[in-house]
Amino acid sequence: YYADDGKDVLERFRYIGINKEIETLPQVRFLNGDAV
């Protein structure tokens, strides 16, 4: 995920996503839509 900071900045597209290390954590439970 990125933010578009406009044409007037040096790096227009700025990464705003999560630290990729998070997806490797054993305690993470991935969901696909609603969940109880």
Full PDB file with SEQRES, HELIX, SHEET, SSBOND, CRYST1, ORIGX, SCALE, CONECT and MASTER records, all heavy atoms in Angstrom:
SEQRES   1 A   36  TYR TYR ALA ASP ASP GLY LYS ASP VAL LEU GLU ARG PHE          
SEQRES   2 A   36  ARG TYR ILE GLY ILE ASN LYS GLU ILE GLU THR LEU PRO          
SEQRES   3 A   36  GLN VAL ARG PHE LEU ASN GLY ASP ALA VAL                      
HELIX    1 AA1 LYS A   20  THR A   24  5                                   5    
SHEET    1 AA1 2 TYR A   2  ASP A   4  0                                        
SHEET    2 AA1 2 PHE A  13  TYR A  15 -1                                        
CRYST1    1.000    1.000    1.000  90.00  90.00  90.00 P 1           1          
ORIGX1      1.000000  0.000000  0.000000        0.00000                         
ORIGX2      0.000000  1.000000  0.000000        0.00000                         
ORIGX3      0.000000  0.000000  1.000000        0.00000                         
SCALE1      1.000000  0.000000  0.000000        0.00000                         
SCALE2      0.000000  1.000000  0.000000        0.00000                         
SCALE3      0.000000  0.000000  1.000000        0.00000                         
ATOM      1  N   TYR A   1       0.833  -1.201   0.000  1.00  0.00           N  
ATOM      2  CA  TYR A   1       0.000   0.000   0.000  1.00  0.00           C  
ATOM      3  C   TYR A   1       0.870   1.255   0.000  1.00  0.00           C  
ATOM      4  O   TYR A   1       1.900   1.329   0.678  1.00  0.00           O  
ATOM      5  CB  TYR A   1      -0.941  -0.014   1.206  1.00  0.00           C  
ATOM      6  CG  TYR A   1      -1.905  -1.176   1.131  1.00  0.00           C  
ATOM      7  CD1 TYR A   1      -1.745  -2.294   1.937  1.00  0.00           C  
ATOM      8  CD2 TYR A   1      -2.947  -1.178   0.202  1.00  0.00           C  
ATOM      9  CE1 TYR A   1      -2.607  -3.377   1.836  1.00  0.00           C  
ATOM     10  CE2 TYR A   1      -3.812  -2.259   0.089  1.00  0.00           C  
ATOM     11  CZ  TYR A   1      -3.635  -3.349   0.899  1.00  0.00           C  
ATOM     12  OH  TYR A   1      -4.478  -4.429   0.788  1.00  0.00           O  
ATOM     13  N   TYR A   2       0.422   2.245  -0.783  1.00  0.00           N  
ATOM     14  CA  TYR A   2       1.190   3.470  -0.983  1.00  0.00           C  
ATOM     15  C   TYR A   2       0.286   4.695  -0.882  1.00  0.00           C  
ATOM     16  O   TYR A   2      -0.928   4.605  -1.087  1.00  0.00           O  
ATOM     17  CB  TYR A   2       1.855   3.464  -2.370  1.00  0.00           C  
ATOM     18  CG  TYR A   2       3.075   2.580  -2.457  1.00  0.00           C  
ATOM     19  CD1 TYR A   2       2.955   1.199  -2.586  1.00  0.00           C  
ATOM     20  CD2 TYR A   2       4.355   3.122  -2.378  1.00  0.00           C  
ATOM     21  CE1 TYR A   2       4.069   0.371  -2.659  1.00  0.00           C  
ATOM     22  CE2 TYR A   2       5.484   2.321  -2.456  1.00  0.00           C  
ATOM     23  CZ  TYR A   2       5.334   0.948  -2.596  1.00  0.00           C  
ATOM     24  OH  TYR A   2       6.442   0.140  -2.656  1.00  0.00           O  
ATOM     25  N   ALA A   3       0.913   5.834  -0.578  1.00  0.00           N  
ATOM     26  CA  ALA A   3       0.244   7.136  -0.656  1.00  0.00           C  
ATOM     27  C   ALA A   3       0.886   7.930  -1.789  1.00  0.00           C  
ATOM     28  O   ALA A   3       2.113   7.910  -1.959  1.00  0.00           O  
ATOM     29  CB  ALA A   3       0.379   7.887   0.653  1.00  0.00           C  
ATOM     30  N   ASP A   4       0.054   8.598  -2.558  1.00  0.00           N  
ATOM     31  CA  ASP A   4       0.532   9.475  -3.630  1.00  0.00           C  
ATOM     32  C   ASP A   4       0.717  10.868  -3.036  1.00  0.00           C  
ATOM     33  O   ASP A   4      -0.248  11.572  -2.754  1.00  0.00           O  
ATOM     34  CB  ASP A   4      -0.494   9.490  -4.766  1.00  0.00           C  
ATOM     35  CG  ASP A   4      -0.051  10.339  -5.955  1.00  0.00           C  
ATOM     36  OD1 ASP A   4       0.975  11.026  -5.842  1.00  0.00           O  
ATOM     37  OD2 ASP A   4      -0.744  10.320  -6.992  1.00  0.00           O  
ATOM     38  N   ASP A   5       1.978  11.266  -2.868  1.00  0.00           N  
ATOM     39  CA  ASP A   5       2.288  12.563  -2.263  1.00  0.00           C  
ATOM     40  C   ASP A   5       2.390  13.687  -3.279  1.00  0.00           C  
ATOM     41  O   ASP A   5       2.764  14.815  -2.930  1.00  0.00           O  
ATOM     42  CB  ASP A   5       3.589  12.466  -1.460  1.00  0.00           C  
ATOM     43  CG  ASP A   5       3.409  11.665  -0.171  1.00  0.00           C  
ATOM     44  OD1 ASP A   5       2.267  11.592   0.322  1.00  0.00           O  
ATOM     45  OD2 ASP A   5       4.402  11.110   0.328  1.00  0.00           O  
ATOM     46  N   GLY A   6       2.071  13.392  -4.550  1.00  0.00           N  
ATOM     47  CA  GLY A   6       2.034  14.437  -5.563  1.00  0.00           C  
ATOM     48  C   GLY A   6       3.295  14.518  -6.401  1.00  0.00           C  
ATOM     49  O   GLY A   6       4.338  13.945  -6.071  1.00  0.00           O  
ATOM     50  N   LYS A   7       3.197  15.255  -7.479  1.00  0.00           N  
ATOM     51  CA  LYS A   7       4.288  15.348  -8.463  1.00  0.00           C  
ATOM     52  C   LYS A   7       5.429  16.236  -8.000  1.00  0.00           C  
ATOM     53  O   LYS A   7       6.514  16.199  -8.578  1.00  0.00           O  
ATOM     54  CB  LYS A   7       3.742  15.880  -9.784  1.00  0.00           C  
ATOM     55  CG  LYS A   7       2.684  14.989 -10.424  1.00  0.00           C  
ATOM     56  CD  LYS A   7       2.157  15.613 -11.710  1.00  0.00           C  
ATOM     57  CE  LYS A   7       1.077  14.725 -12.347  1.00  0.00           C  
ATOM     58  NZ  LYS A   7       0.545  15.345 -13.589  1.00  0.00           N  
ATOM     59  N   ASP A   8       5.207  17.048  -6.968  1.00  0.00           N  
ATOM     60  CA  ASP A   8       6.204  18.039  -6.580  1.00  0.00           C  
ATOM     61  C   ASP A   8       7.231  17.517  -5.577  1.00  0.00           C  
ATOM     62  O   ASP A   8       8.106  18.273  -5.146  1.00  0.00           O  
ATOM     63  CB  ASP A   8       5.517  19.276  -5.991  1.00  0.00           C  
ATOM     64  CG  ASP A   8       4.614  19.962  -7.001  1.00  0.00           C  
ATOM     65  OD1 ASP A   8       4.921  19.881  -8.205  1.00  0.00           O  
ATOM     66  OD2 ASP A   8       3.606  20.574  -6.581  1.00  0.00           O  
ATOM     67  N   VAL A   9       7.116  16.253  -5.160  1.00  0.00           N  
ATOM     68  CA  VAL A   9       8.069  15.693  -4.202  1.00  0.00           C  
ATOM     69  C   VAL A   9       9.022  14.750  -4.926  1.00  0.00           C  
ATOM     70  O   VAL A   9       8.724  14.244  -6.018  1.00  0.00           O  
ATOM     71  CB  VAL A   9       7.343  14.959  -3.055  1.00  0.00           C  
ATOM     72  CG1 VAL A   9       6.474  15.921  -2.280  1.00  0.00           C  
ATOM     73  CG2 VAL A   9       6.522  13.795  -3.586  1.00  0.00           C  
ATOM     74  N   LEU A  10      10.177  14.499  -4.294  1.00  0.00           N  
ATOM     75  CA  LEU A  10      11.207  13.681  -4.921  1.00  0.00           C  
ATOM     76  C   LEU A  10      10.718  12.259  -5.166  1.00  0.00           C  
ATOM     77  O   LEU A  10      10.919  11.692  -6.242  1.00  0.00           O  
ATOM     78  CB  LEU A  10      12.462  13.674  -4.038  1.00  0.00           C  
ATOM     79  CG  LEU A  10      13.710  13.023  -4.634  1.00  0.00           C  
ATOM     80  CD1 LEU A  10      14.136  13.754  -5.914  1.00  0.00           C  
ATOM     81  CD2 LEU A  10      14.848  13.032  -3.610  1.00  0.00           C  
ATOM     82  N   GLU A  11      10.103  11.669  -4.138  1.00  0.00           N  
ATOM     83  CA  GLU A  11       9.538  10.328  -4.276  1.00  0.00           C  
ATOM     84  C   GLU A  11       8.018  10.439  -4.146  1.00  0.00           C  
ATOM     85  O   GLU A  11       7.492  10.555  -3.044  1.00  0.00           O  
ATOM     86  CB  GLU A  11      10.107   9.380  -3.220  1.00  0.00           C  
ATOM     87  CG  GLU A  11      11.593   9.085  -3.414  1.00  0.00           C  
ATOM     88  CD  GLU A  11      12.089   8.000  -2.478  1.00  0.00           C  
ATOM     89  OE1 GLU A  11      11.274   7.171  -2.042  1.00  0.00           O  
ATOM     90  OE2 GLU A  11      13.300   8.004  -2.183  1.00  0.00           O  
ATOM     91  N   ARG A  12       7.344  10.379  -5.275  1.00  0.00           N  
ATOM     92  CA  ARG A  12       5.904  10.627  -5.301  1.00  0.00           C  
ATOM     93  C   ARG A  12       5.129   9.552  -4.540  1.00  0.00           C  
ATOM     94  O   ARG A  12       4.197   9.869  -3.790  1.00  0.00           O  
ATOM     95  CB  ARG A  12       5.427  10.688  -6.752  1.00  0.00           C  
ATOM     96  CG  ARG A  12       3.924  10.830  -6.869  1.00  0.00           C  
ATOM     97  CD  ARG A  12       3.480  11.066  -8.296  1.00  0.00           C  
ATOM     98  NE  ARG A  12       2.037  11.187  -8.378  1.00  0.00           N  
ATOM     99  CZ  ARG A  12       1.383  11.524  -9.479  1.00  0.00           C  
ATOM    100  NH1 ARG A  12       2.048  11.778 -10.599  1.00  0.00           N  
ATOM    101  NH2 ARG A  12       0.061  11.628  -9.472  1.00  0.00           N  
ATOM    102  N   PHE A  13       5.491   8.291  -4.716  1.00  0.00           N  
ATOM    103  CA  PHE A  13       4.732   7.192  -4.117  1.00  0.00           C  
ATOM    104  C   PHE A  13       5.457   6.686  -2.866  1.00  0.00           C  
ATOM    105  O   PHE A  13       6.568   6.176  -2.948  1.00  0.00           O  
ATOM    106  CB  PHE A  13       4.530   6.068  -5.129  1.00  0.00           C  
ATOM    107  CG  PHE A  13       3.763   6.507  -6.346  1.00  0.00           C  
ATOM    108  CD1 PHE A  13       4.396   6.646  -7.573  1.00  0.00           C  
ATOM    109  CD2 PHE A  13       2.416   6.815  -6.257  1.00  0.00           C  
ATOM    110  CE1 PHE A  13       3.696   7.067  -8.694  1.00  0.00           C  
ATOM    111  CE2 PHE A  13       1.704   7.242  -7.372  1.00  0.00           C  
ATOM    112  CZ  PHE A  13       2.345   7.371  -8.592  1.00  0.00           C  
ATOM    113  N   ARG A  14       4.802   6.870  -1.727  1.00  0.00           N  
ATOM    114  CA  ARG A  14       5.393   6.555  -0.419  1.00  0.00           C  
ATOM    115  C   ARG A  14       4.751   5.292   0.157  1.00  0.00           C  
ATOM    116  O   ARG A  14       3.531   5.203   0.267  1.00  0.00           O  
ATOM    117  CB  ARG A  14       5.190   7.746   0.520  1.00  0.00           C  
ATOM    118  CG  ARG A  14       5.634   7.527   1.951  1.00  0.00           C  
ATOM    119  CD  ARG A  14       5.587   8.848   2.725  1.00  0.00           C  
ATOM    120  NE  ARG A  14       4.310   9.542   2.557  1.00  0.00           N  
ATOM    121  CZ  ARG A  14       3.263   9.395   3.375  1.00  0.00           C  
ATOM    122  NH1 ARG A  14       3.327   8.572   4.423  1.00  0.00           N  
ATOM    123  NH2 ARG A  14       2.144  10.075   3.155  1.00  0.00           N  
ATOM    124  N   TYR A  15       5.582   4.325   0.540  1.00  0.00           N  
ATOM    125  CA  TYR A  15       5.068   3.069   1.096  1.00  0.00           C  
ATOM    126  C   TYR A  15       4.426   3.308   2.453  1.00  0.00           C  
ATOM    127  O   TYR A  15       5.037   3.911   3.339  1.00  0.00           O  
ATOM    128  CB  TYR A  15       6.198   2.042   1.232  1.00  0.00           C  
ATOM    129  CG  TYR A  15       5.728   0.707   1.779  1.00  0.00           C  
ATOM    130  CD1 TYR A  15       4.977  -0.156   0.988  1.00  0.00           C  
ATOM    131  CD2 TYR A  15       6.036   0.318   3.085  1.00  0.00           C  
ATOM    132  CE1 TYR A  15       4.542  -1.382   1.484  1.00  0.00           C  
ATOM    133  CE2 TYR A  15       5.613  -0.899   3.579  1.00  0.00           C  
ATOM    134  CZ  TYR A  15       4.865  -1.744   2.782  1.00  0.00           C  
ATOM    135  OH  TYR A  15       4.425  -2.949   3.275  1.00  0.00           O  
ATOM    136  N   ILE A  16       3.195   2.868   2.621  1.00  0.00           N  
ATOM    137  CA  ILE A  16       2.495   3.031   3.904  1.00  0.00           C  
ATOM    138  C   ILE A  16       1.963   1.700   4.416  1.00  0.00           C  
ATOM    139  O   ILE A  16       1.120   1.660   5.320  1.00  0.00           O  
ATOM    140  CB  ILE A  16       1.331   4.047   3.790  1.00  0.00           C  
ATOM    141  CG1 ILE A  16       0.311   3.607   2.729  1.00  0.00           C  
ATOM    142  CG2 ILE A  16       1.871   5.445   3.497  1.00  0.00           C  
ATOM    143  CD1 ILE A  16      -0.965   4.434   2.746  1.00  0.00           C  
ATOM    144  N   GLY A  17       2.443   0.590   3.846  1.00  0.00           N  
ATOM    145  CA  GLY A  17       1.974  -0.725   4.259  1.00  0.00           C  
ATOM    146  C   GLY A  17       2.639  -1.208   5.533  1.00  0.00           C  
ATOM    147  O   GLY A  17       3.411  -0.491   6.183  1.00  0.00           O  
ATOM    148  N   ILE A  18       2.366  -2.464   5.880  1.00  0.00           N  
ATOM    149  CA  ILE A  18       2.887  -3.020   7.125  1.00  0.00           C  
ATOM    150  C   ILE A  18       4.322  -3.520   6.941  1.00  0.00           C  
ATOM    151  O   ILE A  18       4.784  -3.751   5.825  1.00  0.00           O  
ATOM    152  CB  ILE A  18       1.998  -4.172   7.643  1.00  0.00           C  
ATOM    153  CG1 ILE A  18       2.107  -5.409   6.734  1.00  0.00           C  
ATOM    154  CG2 ILE A  18       0.549  -3.725   7.779  1.00  0.00           C  
ATOM    155  CD1 ILE A  18       1.402  -6.640   7.297  1.00  0.00           C  
ATOM    156  N   ASN A  19       5.011  -3.685   8.049  1.00  0.00           N  
ATOM    157  CA  ASN A  19       6.306  -4.357   8.079  1.00  0.00           C  
ATOM    158  C   ASN A  19       6.095  -5.809   7.634  1.00  0.00           C  
ATOM    159  O   ASN A  19       5.300  -6.536   8.227  1.00  0.00           O  
ATOM    160  CB  ASN A  19       6.859  -4.301   9.500  1.00  0.00           C  
ATOM    161  CG  ASN A  19       8.226  -4.942   9.650  1.00  0.00           C  
ATOM    162  OD1 ASN A  19       8.628  -5.799   8.863  1.00  0.00           O  
ATOM    163  ND2 ASN A  19       8.939  -4.550  10.686  1.00  0.00           N  
ATOM    164  N   LYS A  20       6.794  -6.231   6.590  1.00  0.00           N  
ATOM    165  CA  LYS A  20       6.578  -7.561   6.027  1.00  0.00           C  
ATOM    166  C   LYS A  20       6.923  -8.692   6.996  1.00  0.00           C  
ATOM    167  O   LYS A  20       6.508  -9.835   6.807  1.00  0.00           O  
ATOM    168  CB  LYS A  20       7.378  -7.720   4.737  1.00  0.00           C  
ATOM    169  CG  LYS A  20       6.951  -6.787   3.616  1.00  0.00           C  
ATOM    170  CD  LYS A  20       5.507  -7.017   3.201  1.00  0.00           C  
ATOM    171  CE  LYS A  20       5.136  -6.157   1.996  1.00  0.00           C  
ATOM    172  NZ  LYS A  20       3.726  -6.340   1.581  1.00  0.00           N  
ATOM    173  N   GLU A  21       7.672  -8.364   8.050  1.00  0.00           N  
ATOM    174  CA  GLU A  21       7.990  -9.370   9.067  1.00  0.00           C  
ATOM    175  C   GLU A  21       6.735  -9.852   9.795  1.00  0.00           C  
ATOM    176  O   GLU A  21       6.681 -10.984  10.290  1.00  0.00           O  
ATOM    177  CB  GLU A  21       8.999  -8.776  10.059  1.00  0.00           C  
ATOM    178  CG  GLU A  21       9.547  -9.763  11.075  1.00  0.00           C  
ATOM    179  CD  GLU A  21      10.529  -9.121  12.044  1.00  0.00           C  
ATOM    180  OE1 GLU A  21      11.030  -8.014  11.750  1.00  0.00           O  
ATOM    181  OE2 GLU A  21      10.786  -9.725  13.101  1.00  0.00           O  
ATOM    182  N   ILE A  22       5.715  -9.005   9.824  1.00  0.00           N  
ATOM    183  CA  ILE A  22       4.495  -9.343  10.556  1.00  0.00           C  
ATOM    184  C   ILE A  22       3.823 -10.581   9.983  1.00  0.00           C  
ATOM    185  O   ILE A  22       3.341 -11.445  10.730  1.00  0.00           O  
ATOM    186  CB  ILE A  22       3.519  -8.150  10.557  1.00  0.00           C  
ATOM    187  CG1 ILE A  22       4.113  -6.989  11.359  1.00  0.00           C  
ATOM    188  CG2 ILE A  22       2.148  -8.541  11.115  1.00  0.00           C  
ATOM    189  CD1 ILE A  22       3.321  -5.693  11.258  1.00  0.00           C  
ATOM    190  N   GLU A  23       3.810 -10.712   8.660  1.00  0.00           N  
ATOM    191  CA  GLU A  23       3.091 -11.838   8.052  1.00  0.00           C  
ATOM    192  C   GLU A  23       3.725 -13.190   8.358  1.00  0.00           C  
ATOM    193  O   GLU A  23       3.098 -14.228   8.174  1.00  0.00           O  
ATOM    194  CB  GLU A  23       2.964 -11.657   6.545  1.00  0.00           C  
ATOM    195  CG  GLU A  23       4.270 -11.682   5.777  1.00  0.00           C  
ATOM    196  CD  GLU A  23       4.062 -11.489   4.279  1.00  0.00           C  
ATOM    197  OE1 GLU A  23       3.517 -12.404   3.626  1.00  0.00           O  
ATOM    198  OE2 GLU A  23       4.438 -10.410   3.778  1.00  0.00           O  
ATOM    199  N   THR A  24       4.966 -13.199   8.843  1.00  0.00           N  
ATOM    200  CA  THR A  24       5.641 -14.461   9.174  1.00  0.00           C  
ATOM    201  C   THR A  24       5.458 -14.866  10.638  1.00  0.00           C  
ATOM    202  O   THR A  24       5.904 -15.946  11.039  1.00  0.00           O  
ATOM    203  CB  THR A  24       7.150 -14.356   8.870  1.00  0.00           C  
ATOM    204  OG1 THR A  24       7.764 -13.422   9.777  1.00  0.00           O  
ATOM    205  CG2 THR A  24       7.380 -13.883   7.446  1.00  0.00           C  
ATOM    206  N   LEU A  25       4.822 -14.024  11.435  1.00  0.00           N  
ATOM    207  CA  LEU A  25       4.656 -14.326  12.862  1.00  0.00           C  
ATOM    208  C   LEU A  25       3.749 -15.535  13.049  1.00  0.00           C  
ATOM    209  O   LEU A  25       2.665 -15.602  12.457  1.00  0.00           O  
ATOM    210  CB  LEU A  25       4.068 -13.123  13.593  1.00  0.00           C  
ATOM    211  CG  LEU A  25       4.934 -11.853  13.664  1.00  0.00           C  
ATOM    212  CD1 LEU A  25       4.112 -10.687  14.219  1.00  0.00           C  
ATOM    213  CD2 LEU A  25       6.175 -12.102  14.520  1.00  0.00           C  
ATOM    214  N   PRO A  26       4.124 -16.486  13.902  1.00  0.00           N  
ATOM    215  CA  PRO A  26       3.292 -17.684  14.093  1.00  0.00           C  
ATOM    216  C   PRO A  26       1.950 -17.402  14.750  1.00  0.00           C  
ATOM    217  O   PRO A  26       1.013 -18.193  14.605  1.00  0.00           O  
ATOM    218  CB  PRO A  26       4.167 -18.586  14.977  1.00  0.00           C  
ATOM    219  CG  PRO A  26       5.118 -17.647  15.664  1.00  0.00           C  
ATOM    220  CD  PRO A  26       5.376 -16.550  14.681  1.00  0.00           C  
ATOM    221  N   GLN A  27       1.829 -16.287  15.469  1.00  0.00           N  
ATOM    222  CA  GLN A  27       0.578 -15.977  16.159  1.00  0.00           C  
ATOM    223  C   GLN A  27      -0.434 -15.262  15.263  1.00  0.00           C  
ATOM    224  O   GLN A  27      -1.563 -14.991  15.685  1.00  0.00           O  
ATOM    225  CB  GLN A  27       0.826 -15.163  17.429  1.00  0.00           C  
ATOM    226  CG  GLN A  27       1.594 -13.864  17.252  1.00  0.00           C  
ATOM    227  CD  GLN A  27       3.087 -14.017  17.434  1.00  0.00           C  
ATOM    228  OE1 GLN A  27       3.708 -14.833  16.774  1.00  0.00           O  
ATOM    229  NE2 GLN A  27       3.662 -13.224  18.344  1.00  0.00           N  
ATOM    230  N   VAL A  28      -0.058 -14.956  14.026  1.00  0.00           N  
ATOM    231  CA  VAL A  28      -0.976 -14.282  13.106  1.00  0.00           C  
ATOM    232  C   VAL A  28      -2.029 -15.266  12.601  1.00  0.00           C  
ATOM    233  O   VAL A  28      -1.717 -16.403  12.240  1.00  0.00           O  
ATOM    234  CB  VAL A  28      -0.219 -13.668  11.913  1.00  0.00           C  
ATOM    235  CG1 VAL A  28      -1.188 -13.254  10.805  1.00  0.00           C  
ATOM    236  CG2 VAL A  28       0.586 -12.447  12.369  1.00  0.00           C  
ATOM    237  N   ARG A  29      -3.279 -14.803  12.592  1.00  0.00           N  
ATOM    238  CA  ARG A  29      -4.387 -15.571  12.028  1.00  0.00           C  
ATOM    239  C   ARG A  29      -4.991 -14.750  10.892  1.00  0.00           C  
ATOM    240  O   ARG A  29      -5.579 -13.702  11.130  1.00  0.00           O  
ATOM    241  CB  ARG A  29      -5.461 -15.873  13.096  1.00  0.00           C  
ATOM    242  CG  ARG A  29      -4.948 -16.705  14.268  1.00  0.00           C  
ATOM    243  CD  ARG A  29      -4.551 -18.099  13.833  1.00  0.00           C  
ATOM    244  NE  ARG A  29      -4.097 -18.922  14.952  1.00  0.00           N  
ATOM    245  CZ  ARG A  29      -2.823 -19.054  15.330  1.00  0.00           C  
ATOM    246  NH1 ARG A  29      -1.874 -18.375  14.678  1.00  0.00           N  
ATOM    247  NH2 ARG A  29      -2.499 -19.823  16.343  1.00  0.00           N  
ATOM    248  N   PHE A  30      -4.783 -15.207   9.663  1.00  0.00           N  
ATOM    249  CA  PHE A  30      -5.290 -14.486   8.501  1.00  0.00           C  
ATOM    250  C   PHE A  30      -6.766 -14.800   8.275  1.00  0.00           C  
ATOM    251  O   PHE A  30      -7.184 -15.961   8.355  1.00  0.00           O  
ATOM    252  CB  PHE A  30      -4.487 -14.852   7.256  1.00  0.00           C  
ATOM    253  CG  PHE A  30      -3.105 -14.272   7.240  1.00  0.00           C  
ATOM    254  CD1 PHE A  30      -1.994 -15.092   7.363  1.00  0.00           C  
ATOM    255  CD2 PHE A  30      -2.909 -12.900   7.121  1.00  0.00           C  
ATOM    256  CE1 PHE A  30      -0.715 -14.556   7.352  1.00  0.00           C  
ATOM    257  CE2 PHE A  30      -1.639 -12.354   7.115  1.00  0.00           C  
ATOM    258  CZ  PHE A  30      -0.536 -13.191   7.226  1.00  0.00           C  
ATOM    259  N   LEU A  31      -7.539 -13.758   7.977  1.00  0.00           N  
ATOM    260  CA  LEU A  31      -8.969 -13.897   7.723  1.00  0.00           C  
ATOM    261  C   LEU A  31      -9.254 -13.530   6.272  1.00  0.00           C  
ATOM    262  O   LEU A  31      -8.516 -12.766   5.656  1.00  0.00           O  
ATOM    263  CB  LEU A  31      -9.774 -12.973   8.643  1.00  0.00           C  
ATOM    264  CG  LEU A  31      -9.550 -13.128  10.151  1.00  0.00           C  
ATOM    265  CD1 LEU A  31     -10.367 -12.082  10.908  1.00  0.00           C  
ATOM    266  CD2 LEU A  31      -9.905 -14.535  10.619  1.00  0.00           C  
ATOM    267  N   ASN A  32     -10.347 -14.065   5.777  1.00  0.00           N  
ATOM    268  CA  ASN A  32     -10.818 -13.713   4.442  1.00  0.00           C  
ATOM    269  C   ASN A  32     -12.291 -13.337   4.553  1.00  0.00           C  
ATOM    270  O   ASN A  32     -13.183 -14.132   4.291  1.00  0.00           O  
ATOM    271  CB  ASN A  32     -10.618 -14.883   3.481  1.00  0.00           C  
ATOM    272  CG  ASN A  32     -10.966 -14.526   2.052  1.00  0.00           C  
ATOM    273  OD1 ASN A  32     -11.125 -13.350   1.709  1.00  0.00           O  
ATOM    274  ND2 ASN A  32     -11.107 -15.527   1.210  1.00  0.00           N  
ATOM    275  N   GLY A  33     -12.527 -12.109   5.017  1.00  0.00           N  
ATOM    276  CA  GLY A  33     -13.897 -11.666   5.238  1.00  0.00           C  
ATOM    277  C   GLY A  33     -14.305 -11.750   6.697  1.00  0.00           C  
ATOM    278  O   GLY A  33     -13.478 -11.644   7.603  1.00  0.00           O  
ATOM    279  N   ASP A  34     -15.592 -11.956   6.948  1.00  0.00           N  
ATOM    280  CA  ASP A  34     -16.150 -11.946   8.299  1.00  0.00           C  
ATOM    281  C   ASP A  34     -15.668 -13.145   9.110  1.00  0.00           C  
ATOM    282  O   ASP A  34     -15.333 -14.201   8.555  1.00  0.00           O  
ATOM    283  CB  ASP A  34     -17.678 -11.959   8.237  1.00  0.00           C  
ATOM    284  CG  ASP A  34     -18.246 -10.727   7.541  1.00  0.00           C  
ATOM    285  OD1 ASP A  34     -17.459  -9.913   7.041  1.00  0.00           O  
ATOM    286  OD2 ASP A  34     -19.484 -10.594   7.504  1.00  0.00           O  
ATOM    287  N   ALA A  35     -15.669 -12.990  10.444  1.00  0.00           N  
ATOM    288  CA  ALA A  35     -15.259 -14.095  11.311  1.00  0.00           C  
ATOM    289  C   ALA A  35     -15.841 -13.904  12.699  1.00  0.00           C  
ATOM    290  O   ALA A  35     -15.958 -12.773  13.185  1.00  0.00           O  
ATOM    291  CB  ALA A  35     -13.741 -14.184  11.394  1.00  0.00           C  
ATOM    292  N   VAL A  36     -16.203 -14.997  13.337  1.00  0.00           N  
ATOM    293  CA  VAL A  36     -16.624 -14.996  14.735  1.00  0.00           C  
ATOM    294  C   VAL A  36     -15.460 -15.529  15.563  1.00  0.00           C  
ATOM    295  O   VAL A  36     -15.010 -16.655  15.346  1.00  0.00           O  
ATOM    296  CB  VAL A  36     -17.876 -15.861  14.953  1.00  0.00           C  
ATOM    297  CG1 VAL A  36     -18.228 -15.926  16.442  1.00  0.00           C  
ATOM    298  CG2 VAL A  36     -19.053 -15.321  14.151  1.00  0.00           C  
TER     299      VAL A  36                                                      
MASTER        0    0    0    1    2    0    0    6  298    1    0    3          
END                                                                             
